[in-house]
Every structure is written in C-alpha cells, then in structure tokens.
C-alpha atoms as a PDB file:
ATOM      1  CA  MET A   1      93.166  90.558  33.633  1.00  0.00           C
ATOM      2  CA  ARG A   2      89.357  89.631  33.255  1.00  0.00           C
ATOM      3  CA  LEU A   3      87.467  87.840  36.014  1.00  0.00           C
ATOM      4  CA  CYS A   4      84.069  86.117  36.012  1.00  0.00           C
ATOM      5  CA  PHE A   5      82.181  85.691  39.150  1.00  0.00           C
ATOM      6  CA  ILE A   6      79.853  82.364  39.003  1.00  0.00           C
ATOM      7  CA  LEU A   7      77.472  83.216  41.844  1.00  0.00           C
ATOM      8  CA  ASN A   8      75.129  80.583  43.253  1.00  0.00           C
ATOM      9  CA  PRO A   9      72.365  82.706  44.828  1.00  0.00           C
ATOM     10  CA  THR A  10      71.127  79.737  47.214  1.00  0.00           C
ATOM     11  CA  SER A  11      74.469  79.004  48.844  1.00  0.00           C
ATOM     12  CA  GLY A  12      75.040  79.603  52.537  1.00  0.00           C
ATOM     13  CA  THR A  13      72.709  80.626  55.503  1.00  0.00           C
ATOM     14  CA  ASN A  14      72.429  84.463  54.867  1.00  0.00           C
ATOM     15  CA  ARG A  15      70.397  84.661  52.048  1.00  0.00           C
ATOM     16  CA  SER A  16      69.091  88.323  52.532  1.00  0.00           C
ATOM     17  CA  GLN A  17      72.364  89.869  51.381  1.00  0.00           C
ATOM     18  CA  ASN A  18      72.501  91.140  48.027  1.00  0.00           C
ATOM     19  CA  VAL A  19      75.731  89.239  46.994  1.00  0.00           C
ATOM     20  CA  ALA A  20      75.729  90.529  43.416  1.00  0.00           C
ATOM     21  CA  ALA A  21      75.912  94.206  44.604  1.00  0.00           C
ATOM     22  CA  LEU A  22      78.586  93.481  47.063  1.00  0.00           C
ATOM     23  CA  LEU A  23      80.796  91.699  44.428  1.00  0.00           C
ATOM     24  CA  THR A  24      80.405  94.668  41.990  1.00  0.00           C
ATOM     25  CA  GLU A  25      81.221  97.142  44.878  1.00  0.00           C
ATOM     26  CA  HIS A  26      84.385  95.376  46.020  1.00  0.00           C
ATOM     27  CA  ALA A  27      85.718  94.374  42.587  1.00  0.00           C
ATOM     28  CA  THR A  28      85.134  97.723  41.154  1.00  0.00           C
ATOM     29  CA  ALA A  29      87.077  99.227  44.229  1.00  0.00           C
ATOM     30  CA  ALA A  30      89.676  96.661  43.356  1.00  0.00           C
ATOM     31  CA  GLY A  31      90.111  98.235  39.787  1.00  0.00           C
ATOM     32  CA  ALA A  32      88.865  94.764  38.185  1.00  0.00           C
ATOM     33  CA  GLU A  33      87.042  94.014  34.994  1.00  0.00           C
ATOM     34  CA  PHE A  34      84.633  91.387  35.708  1.00  0.00           C
ATOM     35  CA  ASP A  35      81.161  89.777  34.743  1.00  0.00           C
ATOM     36  CA  ILE A  36      78.742  88.123  37.213  1.00  0.00           C
ATOM     37  CA  MET A  37      76.933  85.021  36.091  1.00  0.00           C
ATOM     38  CA  PRO A  38      74.206  83.570  38.540  1.00  0.00           C
ATOM     39  CA  THR A  39      73.536  79.790  38.351  1.00  0.00           C
ATOM     40  CA  GLN A  40      69.903  78.683  37.770  1.00  0.00           C
ATOM     41  CA  TYR A  41      70.096  75.007  38.482  1.00  0.00           C
ATOM     42  CA  ALA A  42      72.489  72.303  39.625  1.00  0.00           C
ATOM     43  CA  GLY A  43      75.407  71.731  37.119  1.00  0.00           C
ATOM     44  CA  HIS A  44      74.779  75.171  35.687  1.00  0.00           C
ATOM     45  CA  ALA A  45      78.168  76.426  37.297  1.00  0.00           C
ATOM     46  CA  VAL A  46      80.132  73.658  35.241  1.00  0.00           C
ATOM     47  CA  LEU A  47      78.626  75.225  31.685  1.00  0.00           C
ATOM     48  CA  LEU A  48      79.095  78.930  32.999  1.00  0.00           C
ATOM     49  CA  ALA A  49      82.972  78.135  34.057  1.00  0.00           C
ATOM     50  CA  ARG A  50      83.648  76.594  30.413  1.00  0.00           C
ATOM     51  CA  GLU A  51      82.211  79.422  28.757  1.00  0.00           C
ATOM     52  CA  ALA A  52      83.810  82.028  30.834  1.00  0.00           C
ATOM     53  CA  ALA A  53      87.057  80.276  30.044  1.00  0.00           C
ATOM     54  CA  ALA A  54      86.606  80.112  26.463  1.00  0.00           C
ATOM     55  CA  ALA A  55      85.467  83.712  26.549  1.00  0.00           C
ATOM     56  CA  GLY A  56      89.232  84.541  27.856  1.00  0.00           C
ATOM     57  CA  CYS A  57      88.742  85.071  31.552  1.00  0.00           C
ATOM     58  CA  ARG A  58      91.907  84.445  33.348  1.00  0.00           C
ATOM     59  CA  VAL A  59      90.253  83.822  36.664  1.00  0.00           C
ATOM     60  CA  VAL A  60      86.640  82.293  37.081  1.00  0.00           C
ATOM     61  CA  VAL A  61      85.345  82.583  40.717  1.00  0.00           C
ATOM     62  CA  ALA A  62      82.991  80.255  42.453  1.00  0.00           C
ATOM     63  CA  VAL A  63      80.999  82.433  44.782  1.00  0.00           C
ATOM     64  CA  GLY A  64      79.171  79.859  46.892  1.00  0.00           C
ATOM     65  CA  GLY A  65      79.855  76.490  48.819  1.00  0.00           C
ATOM     66  CA  ASP A  66      81.847  73.369  48.371  1.00  0.00           C
ATOM     67  CA  GLY A  67      79.216  72.243  45.649  1.00  0.00           C
ATOM     68  CA  THR A  68      79.669  75.368  43.705  1.00  0.00           C
ATOM     69  CA  VAL A  69      83.296  75.271  43.827  1.00  0.00           C
ATOM     70  CA  ASN A  70      83.428  71.673  42.572  1.00  0.00           C
ATOM     71  CA  GLU A  71      81.199  72.606  39.623  1.00  0.00           C
ATOM     72  CA  VAL A  72      83.274  75.632  38.646  1.00  0.00           C
ATOM     73  CA  ALA A  73      86.569  73.594  38.904  1.00  0.00           C
ATOM     74  CA  ARG A  74      85.144  70.790  36.895  1.00  0.00           C
ATOM     75  CA  GLY A  75      84.234  73.261  34.219  1.00  0.00           C
ATOM     76  CA  LEU A  76      87.807  74.826  34.058  1.00  0.00           C
ATOM     77  CA  LEU A  77      89.706  71.401  33.919  1.00  0.00           C
ATOM     78  CA  GLY A  78      91.794  71.505  30.588  1.00  0.00           C
ATOM     79  CA  THR A  79      91.285  75.150  30.209  1.00  0.00           C
ATOM     80  CA  GLY A  80      93.511  78.243  30.517  1.00  0.00           C
ATOM     81  CA  ALA A  81      91.694  79.713  33.267  1.00  0.00           C
ATOM     82  CA  ALA A  82      92.247  79.607  37.167  1.00  0.00           C
ATOM     83  CA  LEU A  83      89.680  78.786  39.959  1.00  0.00           C
ATOM     84  CA  GLY A  84      89.063  81.595  42.404  1.00  0.00           C
ATOM     85  CA  ILE A  85      86.964  81.312  45.388  1.00  0.00           C
ATOM     86  CA  VAL A  86      84.555  83.821  47.486  1.00  0.00           C
ATOM     87  CA  PRO A  87      83.355  81.288  49.959  1.00  0.00           C
ATOM     88  CA  ARG A  88      79.570  81.420  50.788  1.00  0.00           C
ATOM     89  CA  GLY A  89      78.954  77.915  51.874  1.00  0.00           C
ATOM     90  CA  SER A  90      78.166  76.026  55.048  1.00  0.00           C
ATOM     91  CA  GLY A  91      81.631  74.328  55.139  1.00  0.00           C
ATOM     92  CA  ASN A  92      84.057  76.005  52.688  1.00  0.00           C
ATOM     93  CA  GLY A  93      86.525  73.040  53.221  1.00  0.00           C
ATOM     94  CA  LEU A  94      88.667  73.966  50.005  1.00  0.00           C
ATOM     95  CA  ALA A  95      88.583  77.781  50.439  1.00  0.00           C
ATOM     96  CA  ARG A  96      90.040  77.240  54.299  1.00  0.00           C
ATOM     97  CA  HIS A  97      92.720  74.619  53.159  1.00  0.00           C
ATOM     98  CA  LEU A  98      93.915  77.297  50.591  1.00  0.00           C
ATOM     99  CA  HIS A  99      93.681  80.146  53.286  1.00  0.00           C
ATOM    100  CA  VAL A 100      91.117  82.027  51.266  1.00  0.00           C
ATOM    101  CA  PRO A 101      89.531  84.717  53.575  1.00  0.00           C
ATOM    102  CA  LEU A 102      85.880  84.001  54.459  1.00  0.00           C
ATOM    103  CA  ASP A 103      85.162  87.699  54.587  1.00  0.00           C
ATOM    104  CA  LEU A 104      83.579  88.492  51.169  1.00  0.00           C
ATOM    105  CA  PRO A 105      85.696  91.903  50.790  1.00  0.00           C
ATOM    106  CA  ALA A 106      88.964  90.439  51.467  1.00  0.00           C
ATOM    107  CA  ALA A 107      88.229  87.425  49.393  1.00  0.00           C
ATOM    108  CA  VAL A 108      87.347  89.728  46.504  1.00  0.00           C
ATOM    109  CA  ARG A 109      90.424  91.692  46.998  1.00  0.00           C
ATOM    110  CA  ARG A 110      92.460  88.262  46.867  1.00  0.00           C
ATOM    111  CA  VAL A 111      90.972  87.083  43.643  1.00  0.00           C
ATOM    112  CA  CYS A 112      91.227  90.458  41.986  1.00  0.00           C
ATOM    113  CA  ASN A 113      95.317  90.374  42.965  1.00  0.00           C
ATOM    114  CA  PRO A 114      96.121  86.741  42.977  1.00  0.00           C
ATOM    115  CA  THR A 115      99.024  84.506  42.918  1.00  0.00           C
ATOM    116  CA  PHE A 116      98.617  81.236  41.049  1.00  0.00           C
ATOM    117  CA  GLN A 117      99.517  77.621  41.959  1.00  0.00           C
ATOM    118  CA  ARG A 118      98.361  74.059  40.667  1.00  0.00           C
ATOM    119  CA  ILE A 119      96.697  71.568  42.585  1.00  0.00           C
ATOM    120  CA  ASP A 120      95.853  67.877  42.581  1.00  0.00           C
ATOM    121  CA  ALA A 121      92.303  66.482  42.211  1.00  0.00           C
ATOM    122  CA  GLY A 122      90.644  63.158  42.538  1.00  0.00           C
ATOM    123  CA  GLN A 123      88.112  60.993  40.991  1.00  0.00           C
ATOM    124  CA  ILE A 124      85.767  58.492  42.629  1.00  0.00           C
ATOM    125  CA  ASN A 125      83.813  56.464  40.008  1.00  0.00           C
ATOM    126  CA  GLY A 126      84.367  58.984  37.455  1.00  0.00           C
ATOM    127  CA  HIS A 127      83.212  61.874  39.661  1.00  0.00           C
ATOM    128  CA  TRP A 128      85.793  64.765  40.300  1.00  0.00           C
ATOM    129  CA  PHE A 129      86.336  66.064  43.674  1.00  0.00           C
ATOM    130  CA  PHE A 130      88.907  68.819  44.722  1.00  0.00           C
ATOM    131  CA  CYS A 131      88.510  68.616  48.515  1.00  0.00           C
ATOM    132  CA  THR A 132      87.433  65.371  49.814  1.00  0.00           C
ATOM    133  CA  ALA A 133      85.127  62.378  48.892  1.00  0.00           C
ATOM    134  CA  GLY A 134      84.066  59.506  51.017  1.00  0.00           C
ATOM    135  CA  LEU A 135      82.076  56.311  51.727  1.00  0.00           C
ATOM    136  CA  GLY A 136      80.031  55.480  54.438  1.00  0.00           C
ATOM    137  CA  PHE A 137      78.438  57.514  57.456  1.00  0.00           C
ATOM    138  CA  ASP A 138      79.707  61.030  55.990  1.00  0.00           C
ATOM    139  CA  ALA A 139      77.936  60.303  52.630  1.00  0.00           C
ATOM    140  CA  HIS A 140      74.858  59.249  54.530  1.00  0.00           C
ATOM    141  CA  VAL A 141      74.769  62.359  56.571  1.00  0.00           C
ATOM    142  CA  SER A 142      75.318  64.425  53.372  1.00  0.00           C
ATOM    143  CA  ARG A 143      72.304  62.967  51.811  1.00  0.00           C
ATOM    144  CA  LEU A 144      70.124  63.732  54.729  1.00  0.00           C
ATOM    145  CA  PHE A 145      71.525  67.140  55.311  1.00  0.00           C
ATOM    146  CA  ALA A 146      70.798  68.088  51.542  1.00  0.00           C
ATOM    147  CA  GLN A 147      66.941  67.045  52.402  1.00  0.00           C
ATOM    148  CA  ALA A 148      66.929  68.873  55.730  1.00  0.00           C
ATOM    149  CA  GLY A 149      65.427  72.347  54.550  1.00  0.00           C
ATOM    150  CA  THR A 150      68.096  74.311  56.310  1.00  0.00           C
ATOM    151  CA  ARG A 151      71.912  74.775  56.012  1.00  0.00           C
ATOM    152  CA  GLY A 152      74.653  75.511  58.464  1.00  0.00           C
ATOM    153  CA  LEU A 153      76.828  73.628  60.971  1.00  0.00           C
ATOM    154  CA  ALA A 154      74.042  73.295  63.470  1.00  0.00           C
ATOM    155  CA  THR A 155      71.826  71.401  61.002  1.00  0.00           C
ATOM    156  CA  TYR A 156      74.731  69.231  59.978  1.00  0.00           C
ATOM    157  CA  VAL A 157      75.627  68.258  63.652  1.00  0.00           C
ATOM    158  CA  LYS A 158      71.770  67.547  64.492  1.00  0.00           C
ATOM    159  CA  VAL A 159      71.429  64.951  61.481  1.00  0.00           C
ATOM    160  CA  ALA A 160      74.984  63.355  62.459  1.00  0.00           C
ATOM    161  CA  LEU A 161      73.881  62.904  65.975  1.00  0.00           C
ATOM    162  CA  CYS A 162      70.543  61.545  64.963  1.00  0.00           C
ATOM    163  CA  GLU A 163      71.763  59.106  62.526  1.00  0.00           C
ATOM    164  CA  TYR A 164      74.756  57.912  64.757  1.00  0.00           C
ATOM    165  CA  ARG A 165      72.328  55.833  66.944  1.00  0.00           C
ATOM    166  CA  HIS A 166      71.314  53.888  63.887  1.00  0.00           C
ATOM    167  CA  TYR A 167      74.227  53.482  61.403  1.00  0.00           C
ATOM    168  CA  ARG A 168      76.140  50.272  61.065  1.00  0.00           C
ATOM    169  CA  PRO A 169      79.574  49.694  59.316  1.00  0.00           C
ATOM    170  CA  THR A 170      79.774  47.866  55.969  1.00  0.00           C
ATOM    171  CA  ALA A 171      82.134  44.941  55.138  1.00  0.00           C
ATOM    172  CA  VAL A 172      84.545  45.924  52.492  1.00  0.00           C
ATOM    173  CA  GLN A 173      87.738  44.969  50.497  1.00  0.00           C
ATOM    174  CA  LEU A 174      90.160  47.611  50.280  1.00  0.00           C
ATOM    175  CA  THR A 175      93.123  47.609  47.702  1.00  0.00           C
ATOM    176  CA  LEU A 176      95.731  50.532  47.838  1.00  0.00           C
ATOM    177  CA  GLU A 177      97.977  50.720  44.485  1.00  0.00           C
ATOM    178  CA  ASN A 178      98.988  46.997  44.098  1.00  0.00           C
ATOM    179  CA  GLU A 179      98.972  45.851  47.621  1.00  0.00           C
ATOM    180  CA  ALA A 180      97.242  42.762  48.571  1.00  0.00           C
ATOM    181  CA  VAL A 181      93.510  42.956  49.251  1.00  0.00           C
ATOM    182  CA  ARG A 182      92.582  43.553  52.765  1.00  0.00           C
ATOM    183  CA  ASP A 183      89.341  42.816  54.368  1.00  0.00           C
ATOM    184  CA  THR A 184      87.981  45.359  56.930  1.00  0.00           C
ATOM    185  CA  HIS A 185      84.927  47.278  57.861  1.00  0.00           C
ATOM    186  CA  CYS A 186      83.888  50.747  56.658  1.00  0.00           C
ATOM    187  CA  TYR A 187      82.150  53.185  59.026  1.00  0.00           C
ATOM    188  CA  VAL A 188      83.879  56.019  57.293  1.00  0.00           C
ATOM    189  CA  LEU A 189      86.344  55.905  54.528  1.00  0.00           C
ATOM    190  CA  ALA A 190      87.332  59.371  53.340  1.00  0.00           C
ATOM    191  CA  PHE A 191      89.807  60.152  50.555  1.00  0.00           C
ATOM    192  CA  ALA A 192      91.337  63.686  51.362  1.00  0.00           C
ATOM    193  CA  ASN A 193      92.921  65.800  48.754  1.00  0.00           C
ATOM    194  CA  ALA A 194      92.784  68.616  51.127  1.00  0.00           C
ATOM    195  CA  SER A 195      93.012  68.432  54.965  1.00  0.00           C
ATOM    196  CA  GLN A 196      89.336  69.109  55.959  1.00  0.00           C
ATOM    197  CA  TYR A 197      85.638  68.518  55.256  1.00  0.00           C
ATOM    198  CA  GLY A 198      84.942  72.135  56.025  1.00  0.00           C
ATOM    199  CA  ASN A 199      84.195  74.322  59.288  1.00  0.00           C
ATOM    200  CA  ASN A 200      87.777  73.374  60.506  1.00  0.00           C
ATOM    201  CA  ALA A 201      86.907  69.590  60.901  1.00  0.00           C
ATOM    202  CA  TYR A 202      90.390  68.174  59.822  1.00  0.00           C
ATOM    203  CA  ILE A 203      89.774  64.543  58.573  1.00  0.00           C
ATOM    204  CA  ALA A 204      93.272  64.335  57.069  1.00  0.00           C
ATOM    205  CA  PRO A 205      95.381  67.208  58.660  1.00  0.00           C
ATOM    206  CA  ARG A 206      98.535  65.940  57.034  1.00  0.00           C
ATOM    207  CA  ALA A 207      96.940  65.955  53.616  1.00  0.00           C
ATOM    208  CA  ASN A 208      98.976  68.013  50.938  1.00  0.00           C
ATOM    209  CA  ILE A 209      96.980  69.116  47.975  1.00  0.00           C
ATOM    210  CA  GLN A 210     100.355  69.025  45.594  1.00  0.00           C
ATOM    211  CA  ASP A 211     101.846  65.829  46.553  1.00  0.00           C
ATOM    212  CA  GLY A 212     100.233  63.443  44.100  1.00  0.00           C
ATOM    213  CA  LEU A 213      98.605  61.241  46.670  1.00  0.00           C
ATOM    214  CA  LEU A 214      95.600  60.952  48.587  1.00  0.00           C
ATOM    215  CA  ASP A 215      95.417  60.708  52.232  1.00  0.00           C
ATOM    216  CA  LEU A 216      92.940  57.962  53.630  1.00  0.00           C
ATOM    217  CA  CYS A 217      91.308  57.981  56.655  1.00  0.00           C
ATOM    218  CA  LEU A 218      89.415  54.516  57.684  1.00  0.00           C
ATOM    219  CA  ILE A 219      87.236  54.213  60.729  1.00  0.00           C
ATOM    220  CA  ASP A 220      86.169  50.595  60.671  1.00  0.00           C
ATOM    221  CA  ALA A 221      83.602  50.999  63.683  1.00  0.00           C
ATOM    222  CA  LEU A 222      82.581  53.926  65.911  1.00  0.00           C
ATOM    223  CA  PRO A 223      81.496  52.935  69.555  1.00  0.00           C
ATOM    224  CA  LEU A 224      80.932  55.792  71.777  1.00  0.00           C
ATOM    225  CA  TRP A 225      84.522  55.970  73.110  1.00  0.00           C
ATOM    226  CA  ARG A 226      86.021  56.195  69.735  1.00  0.00           C
ATOM    227  CA  ALA A 227      83.531  58.882  68.624  1.00  0.00           C
ATOM    228  CA  VAL A 228      84.585  60.977  71.230  1.00  0.00           C
ATOM    229  CA  ARG A 229      88.323  60.548  70.091  1.00  0.00           C
ATOM    230  CA  VAL A 230      87.177  61.198  66.654  1.00  0.00           C
ATOM    231  CA  GLY A 231      85.257  64.301  67.648  1.00  0.00           C
ATOM    232  CA  VAL A 232      88.271  65.775  69.405  1.00  0.00           C
ATOM    233  CA  GLY A 233      90.501  64.740  66.783  1.00  0.00           C
ATOM    234  CA  LEU A 234      88.579  66.510  63.833  1.00  0.00           C
ATOM    235  CA  ALA A 235      88.494  69.837  65.885  1.00  0.00           C
ATOM    236  CA  LEU A 236      91.874  70.042  66.938  1.00  0.00           C
ATOM    237  CA  GLY A 237      93.453  68.546  63.904  1.00  0.00           C
ATOM    238  CA  THR A 238      94.886  65.631  65.909  1.00  0.00           C
ATOM    239  CA  LEU A 239      93.103  62.638  64.506  1.00  0.00           C
ATOM    240  CA  PRO A 240      96.134  60.695  63.213  1.00  0.00           C
ATOM    241  CA  SER A 241      97.600  60.346  66.653  1.00  0.00           C
ATOM    242  CA  SER A 242      94.174  59.999  68.436  1.00  0.00           C
ATOM    243  CA  GLY A 243      93.856  56.189  67.983  1.00  0.00           C
ATOM    244  CA  GLY A 244      90.339  56.905  66.564  1.00  0.00           C
ATOM    245  CA  ALA A 245      91.213  56.298  62.813  1.00  0.00           C
ATOM    246  CA  GLN A 246      93.762  54.392  60.427  1.00  0.00           C
ATOM    247  CA  PHE A 247      95.649  56.513  57.858  1.00  0.00           C
ATOM    248  CA  HIS A 248      97.231  55.392  54.608  1.00  0.00           C
ATOM    249  CA  ARG A 249      98.633  57.284  51.424  1.00  0.00           C
ATOM    250  CA  SER A 250      97.766  56.090  48.014  1.00  0.00           C
ATOM    251  CA  ARG A 251      97.384  57.402  44.320  1.00  0.00           C
ATOM    252  CA  HIS A 252      94.933  54.474  43.148  1.00  0.00           C
ATOM    253  CA  ILE A 253      92.238  52.786  45.512  1.00  0.00           C
ATOM    254  CA  ARG A 254      89.782  50.049  44.986  1.00  0.00           C
ATOM    255  CA  VAL A 255      86.956  49.014  47.250  1.00  0.00           C
ATOM    256  CA  GLN A 256      84.409  46.379  47.089  1.00  0.00           C
ATOM    257  CA  ALA A 257      81.424  46.621  49.636  1.00  0.00           C
ATOM    258  CA  ALA A 258      79.347  43.767  50.493  1.00  0.00           C
ATOM    259  CA  THR A 259      76.259  45.857  50.516  1.00  0.00           C
ATOM    260  CA  PRO A 260      75.664  49.120  48.581  1.00  0.00           C
ATOM    261  CA  LEU A 261      77.404  52.035  50.163  1.00  0.00           C
ATOM    262  CA  GLY A 262      76.704  55.959  49.708  1.00  0.00           C
ATOM    263  CA  PHE A 263      79.557  57.988  48.517  1.00  0.00           C
ATOM    264  CA  HIS A 264      79.827  61.967  48.265  1.00  0.00           C
ATOM    265  CA  VAL A 265      82.021  64.241  46.370  1.00  0.00           C
ATOM    266  CA  ASP A 266      83.015  67.617  48.190  1.00  0.00           C
ATOM    267  CA  GLY A 267      80.098  66.947  50.555  1.00  0.00           C
ATOM    268  CA  ASP A 268      77.406  66.291  48.023  1.00  0.00           C
ATOM    269  CA  TYR A 269      76.084  62.875  48.182  1.00  0.00           C
ATOM    270  CA  VAL A 270      76.010  61.078  44.768  1.00  0.00           C
ATOM    271  CA  ALA A 271      74.701  57.575  44.552  1.00  0.00           C
ATOM    272  CA  ASP A 272      74.969  54.060  46.318  1.00  0.00           C
ATOM    273  CA  ALA A 273      77.370  51.560  44.801  1.00  0.00           C
ATOM    274  CA  THR A 274      79.188  48.422  45.903  1.00  0.00           C
ATOM    275  CA  ASP A 275      82.317  48.793  43.761  1.00  0.00           C
ATOM    276  CA  PHE A 276      84.727  51.799  43.697  1.00  0.00           C
ATOM    277  CA  GLU A 277      87.689  53.285  41.939  1.00  0.00           C
ATOM    278  CA  VAL A 278      89.385  56.174  43.304  1.00  0.00           C
ATOM    279  CA  LEU A 279      92.135  57.812  41.460  1.00  0.00           C
ATOM    280  CA  LEU A 280      94.386  60.853  42.161  1.00  0.00           C
ATOM    281  CA  GLU A 281      95.430  63.375  39.191  1.00  0.00           C
ATOM    282  CA  PRO A 282      98.353  65.428  40.069  1.00  0.00           C
ATOM    283  CA  LEU A 283      98.374  69.288  39.414  1.00  0.00           C
ATOM    284  CA  VAL A 284      95.467  69.257  36.959  1.00  0.00           C
ATOM    285  CA  LEU A 285      93.827  72.508  38.288  1.00  0.00           C
ATOM    286  CA  GLU A 286      95.298  76.112  38.244  1.00  0.00           C
ATOM    287  CA  VAL A 287      93.877  78.074  41.452  1.00  0.00           C
ATOM    288  CA  ALA A 288      94.121  81.817  41.928  1.00  0.00           C
ATOM    289  CA  VAL A 289      94.911  82.369  45.613  1.00  0.00           C
END
C-alpha cells in the first residue's frame, strides 16, 4: 500500500518544526512506501490529491488543518483513494470527530495501518464540506480570523469576542426538505456533518457522519444570557439540551436571507450570498482511520 502525504507548510501555529522530516522518520519506521508533496498555493492540494490517486496511491494524507483536509478530500471524490489525516491545524474538527490522534507520530502510525470506512459529505451552493458549513456569525468570524495574521484558539476567541458586540442577526426564510417555509432570524445557522467545529467545540454533538442527514443548529439571536449557555454547551457537548439553540435534521435545505450573509465551509470563509442550497451526499468519501 502506497501513501502520499500532502503537506501544507503554513498550517498550524508551530511552523519551526521540520514536518517533512518527521513524516519521513515515522512513516519509514512504520514500513510504509510514501511520497511527500508540499502545497504551494491555495487550492493546490486538490490537484495534488487527484494526481496521487491517479498514480495509484491507496491513501492520500492531508497534513494540515481543516482547510487542507477539505482540499484533499475534494480531490479524492470519485477516485479509488482514501483520505488520511495528520492534524496540523488550529481546530482539526474532522480529525477530532474521527478520533485521529493529534500527536504526529501516532497519527502517522494510524494512516500507515488503517481501517477504512465511508462518510457523508455536504455541499452549500456547490462548495463541498466534510465537517461543518454555516451562515452568519461563525462565517463572519472566519473571514476576520483569516485576516488576523496569527492562528490558534486564542486569536479566534479574541476575534469572536470583539465582533460579538456589533454583529446583528439577519431575517431568513428556512425550508427543510419539503416542509413549509418558516420565517426566522439567523445569528448562526450551522450545517453539521460532523459533531464539532474543532478544538472540541461541539456545535452538533449528536451528528452522525454516516447517517445521510445534516444536523442543523439555529441560533436566531444571541443576547448575553444565551451566549453563556451556548458557550457552555459548545464546551461540554450539551448544546441541544441547553436552551441556547434549535436543532433539526435534513438532507436538503434552502435558505433565503433578507440581506447578504457570509458563509463558510470547514471553517474557511467563502463569500456573501442571499440564497443558499445545502445538500447532503451520503457515503461519498472513503477515509482511512
């Protein structure tokens, strides 16, 4: 079994490590045949993953954060290769959901001796996501976090607390499957394939990545009392019972917003829009865990 490690050299907060050397050391110790391909620009991992799959690699490993995992996974859709993960990001949401070790040597050993399973994936306005996507405040924070100049949980929390004072919910119409349109407001509308954003912040702790459904978490407003409940619920995995959010399950969702709303896929801001179509595609990606 041949592996290909697709390495994002800019991922994570510790960029002084020679990650390529560590990958070589531990993959060699595990007896693996492998290549290491560093990315050079945004979107490069999609192309590298397709090339590795076409070259016969059985497992193509994303070495980076959720954005790198998203790119590699997109490149592997419809191929015979499976996605592996060596987490190197700020949040590592999909890796945590799949119980991938955060320790590099352990993660390398895992992908060198994997078991395989298939998982669902989602699309929002044609953009694939494998962990979470969302509208509203989390997308707004994702956009500013990308511009912050530093990574890590502390930077994310700082940006979120600063923006909380100014952000206001947007009126939306929400349709689940063939249900009647419902009028509500969106402070956060998260579409969860997996259970968490990353850093063990559980936006949808009951989400099942193989059930053919997305878990929707709707927060229509976030006054201070509810913000406290949401924060505690995210940390403890008790958000559905906290009274801080509404939850639904659906395979096909439409959203119309009164004014443009930002949206993100797997933590990366994409764009603003007023009309959204969200779909769940069952068991389209093989993962090596």
